Amino acid sequence: MNKEEIMQIIPHRNSMLLIDEATKTGEKTCTGKKTIVGDEWFLDGHFPGHPVVPGVILCEIMAQASAVIVSGVSQDCLPFFTGIEKAKFRRQVQPGDTLEIECELIDIKRNFYFVKGKGSVNGKLCVSAEFSFALVEKTQG
């Protein structure tokens, strides 16, 4: 999926649409990519002279990529991020890097989906986490 296709399954728009592409690779797995070009809003103050992608943004990128796992479950629902656990940050992600994401669905409880994800640059692990999101019915308006 490219950005336009991703926008059909998650509510994010610029400047919060952070994933460049995502692909469902199996019933419970997906991959995604985000290239950090250097002009992203979150780099302005993190850190001047040594830009580093904030950990919370790395987690959001993984969560956005994982939404493709449940794409097609319901056209009447949107995925909302509900929790994060076991986040570990191992390497910095900087301008010029392409973060490659792998996510796997590990559990479903009613409308809650539990995913583990990891992000790497050039094959080196940068971030890993487990997170959850809920499918919430879209409202009119």
Protein backbone atom coordinates (compact mmCIF):
# COMPACT_ATOMS: atom_id res chain seq x y z
CA MET A 1 0.00 0.00 0.00
CA ASN A 2 1.19 3.49 -0.78
CA LYS A 3 0.25 6.57 1.27
CA GLU A 4 -3.07 7.08 -0.51
CA GLU A 5 -4.10 3.46 0.11
CA ILE A 6 -2.97 3.64 3.74
CA MET A 7 -5.18 6.71 4.24
CA GLN A 8 -8.18 4.52 3.38
CA ILE A 9 -7.62 2.39 6.50
CA ILE A 10 -6.24 4.83 9.10
CA PRO A 11 -7.45 8.34 9.93
CA HIS A 12 -3.99 9.98 9.88
CA ARG A 13 -3.18 12.78 7.47
CA ASN A 14 -0.22 15.07 6.99
CA SER A 15 1.64 15.78 9.18
CA MET A 16 0.78 12.71 11.30
CA LEU A 17 0.75 10.17 8.47
CA LEU A 18 4.23 8.83 9.09
CA ILE A 19 4.43 5.60 7.08
CA ASP A 20 5.53 5.68 3.42
CA GLU A 21 4.35 2.19 2.49
CA ALA A 22 3.01 -0.98 4.09
CA THR A 23 2.38 -4.49 2.84
CA LYS A 24 0.34 -7.30 4.33
CA THR A 25 2.71 -10.27 4.03
CA GLY A 26 0.50 -12.92 5.59
CA GLU A 27 -2.70 -13.31 7.55
CA LYS A 28 -0.98 -12.02 10.70
CA THR A 29 2.12 -10.20 9.40
CA CYS A 30 3.09 -7.03 7.61
CA THR A 31 6.07 -4.94 6.62
CA GLY A 32 6.44 -1.22 6.18
CA LYS A 33 8.94 1.49 5.32
CA LYS A 34 9.60 5.07 6.31
CA THR A 35 12.47 7.07 4.84
CA ILE A 36 13.61 9.92 7.05
CA VAL A 37 14.43 12.78 4.69
CA GLY A 38 15.43 15.38 7.29
CA ASP A 39 12.69 17.99 7.00
CA GLU A 40 10.14 16.18 9.22
CA TRP A 41 8.47 18.33 11.89
CA PHE A 42 9.61 16.09 14.75
CA LEU A 43 13.29 16.67 13.95
CA ASP A 44 13.13 20.46 14.41
CA GLY A 45 13.84 20.30 18.12
CA HIS A 46 15.04 16.71 18.56
CA PHE A 47 17.95 17.52 18.58
CA PRO A 48 19.29 20.71 16.91
CA GLY A 49 22.59 19.91 15.22
CA HIS A 50 22.10 16.16 15.74
CA PRO A 51 18.61 15.20 14.49
CA VAL A 52 17.31 11.91 15.89
CA VAL A 53 13.83 10.44 15.38
CA PRO A 54 12.09 10.40 18.80
CA GLY A 55 11.24 6.97 20.22
CA VAL A 56 7.55 7.78 20.43
CA ILE A 57 7.56 8.54 16.68
CA LEU A 58 9.29 5.23 15.93
CA CYS A 59 6.51 3.47 17.85
CA GLU A 60 3.84 5.43 15.98
CA ILE A 61 5.43 4.46 12.65
CA MET A 62 5.27 0.78 13.62
CA ALA A 63 1.67 1.12 14.81
CA GLN A 64 0.61 2.78 11.56
CA ALA A 65 2.24 0.01 9.53
CA SER A 66 0.50 -2.67 11.59
CA ALA A 67 -2.92 -1.29 10.67
CA VAL A 68 -2.70 -3.15 7.35
CA ILE A 69 -2.97 -6.43 9.26
CA VAL A 70 -6.60 -5.65 10.07
CA SER A 71 -7.40 -3.87 6.82
CA GLY A 72 -10.52 -5.43 5.42
CA VAL A 73 -11.82 -6.60 8.84
CA SER A 74 -14.41 -3.83 8.82
CA GLN A 75 -14.86 -0.82 6.57
CA ASP A 76 -16.95 0.75 9.38
CA CYS A 77 -14.12 0.83 11.93
CA LEU A 78 -10.88 2.72 12.49
CA PRO A 79 -7.85 1.41 14.42
CA PHE A 80 -6.95 3.50 17.50
CA PHE A 81 -3.64 3.04 19.34
CA THR A 82 -4.44 1.92 22.92
CA GLY A 83 -1.20 0.79 24.52
CA ILE A 84 2.50 0.12 24.29
CA GLU A 85 4.72 -2.22 26.26
CA LYS A 86 8.28 -3.51 26.22
CA ALA A 87 9.57 -0.67 24.05
CA LYS A 88 13.32 -0.84 23.55
CA PHE A 89 15.43 1.63 21.61
CA ARG A 90 18.74 0.20 20.46
CA ARG A 91 20.03 2.50 17.70
CA GLN A 92 19.34 6.03 16.57
CA VAL A 93 17.34 6.66 13.41
CA GLN A 94 18.52 9.77 11.59
CA PRO A 95 17.96 11.66 8.33
CA GLY A 96 18.88 9.52 5.34
CA ASP A 97 17.85 6.28 7.08
CA THR A 98 15.06 4.04 5.84
CA LEU A 99 13.31 2.36 8.75
CA GLU A 100 12.14 -1.12 7.73
CA ILE A 101 9.29 -2.39 9.86
CA GLU A 102 8.10 -5.94 10.57
CA CYS A 103 4.95 -6.51 12.61
CA GLU A 104 3.09 -9.60 13.72
CA LEU A 105 -0.38 -9.96 15.20
CA ILE A 106 0.00 -11.93 18.42
CA ASP A 107 -3.52 -11.88 19.88
CA ILE A 108 -7.09 -10.66 19.43
CA LYS A 109 -9.53 -10.06 22.28
CA ARG A 110 -12.90 -8.80 21.05
CA ASN A 111 -12.10 -5.61 19.17
CA PHE A 112 -8.56 -5.27 20.64
CA TYR A 113 -5.57 -6.31 18.54
CA PHE A 114 -2.13 -7.00 20.02
CA VAL A 115 0.94 -6.65 17.84
CA LYS A 116 4.69 -6.98 18.25
CA GLY A 117 6.88 -4.96 15.99
CA LYS A 118 10.46 -4.14 15.22
CA GLY A 119 12.19 -1.54 13.12
CA SER A 120 15.63 -1.85 11.54
CA VAL A 121 17.96 0.26 9.43
CA ASN A 122 20.31 -1.60 7.09
CA GLY A 123 19.49 -4.85 8.89
CA LYS A 124 20.38 -3.48 12.33
CA LEU A 125 17.62 -3.49 14.95
CA CYS A 126 16.74 0.04 16.12
CA VAL A 127 13.43 -0.34 17.95
CA SER A 128 11.09 -3.07 19.18
CA ALA A 129 7.82 -2.93 21.07
CA GLU A 130 4.50 -4.62 21.72
CA PHE A 131 1.41 -2.51 21.27
CA SER A 132 -2.33 -2.73 21.07
CA PHE A 133 -5.08 -0.97 19.27
CA ALA A 134 -8.83 -1.09 19.19
CA LEU A 135 -11.13 -1.14 16.20
CA VAL A 136 -13.64 1.62 16.90
CA GLU A 137 -16.77 2.22 14.88
CA LYS A 138 -16.57 5.31 12.69
CA THR A 139 -18.90 8.12 13.64
CA GLN A 140 -20.65 10.45 11.25
CA GLY A 141 -19.56 14.05 11.06
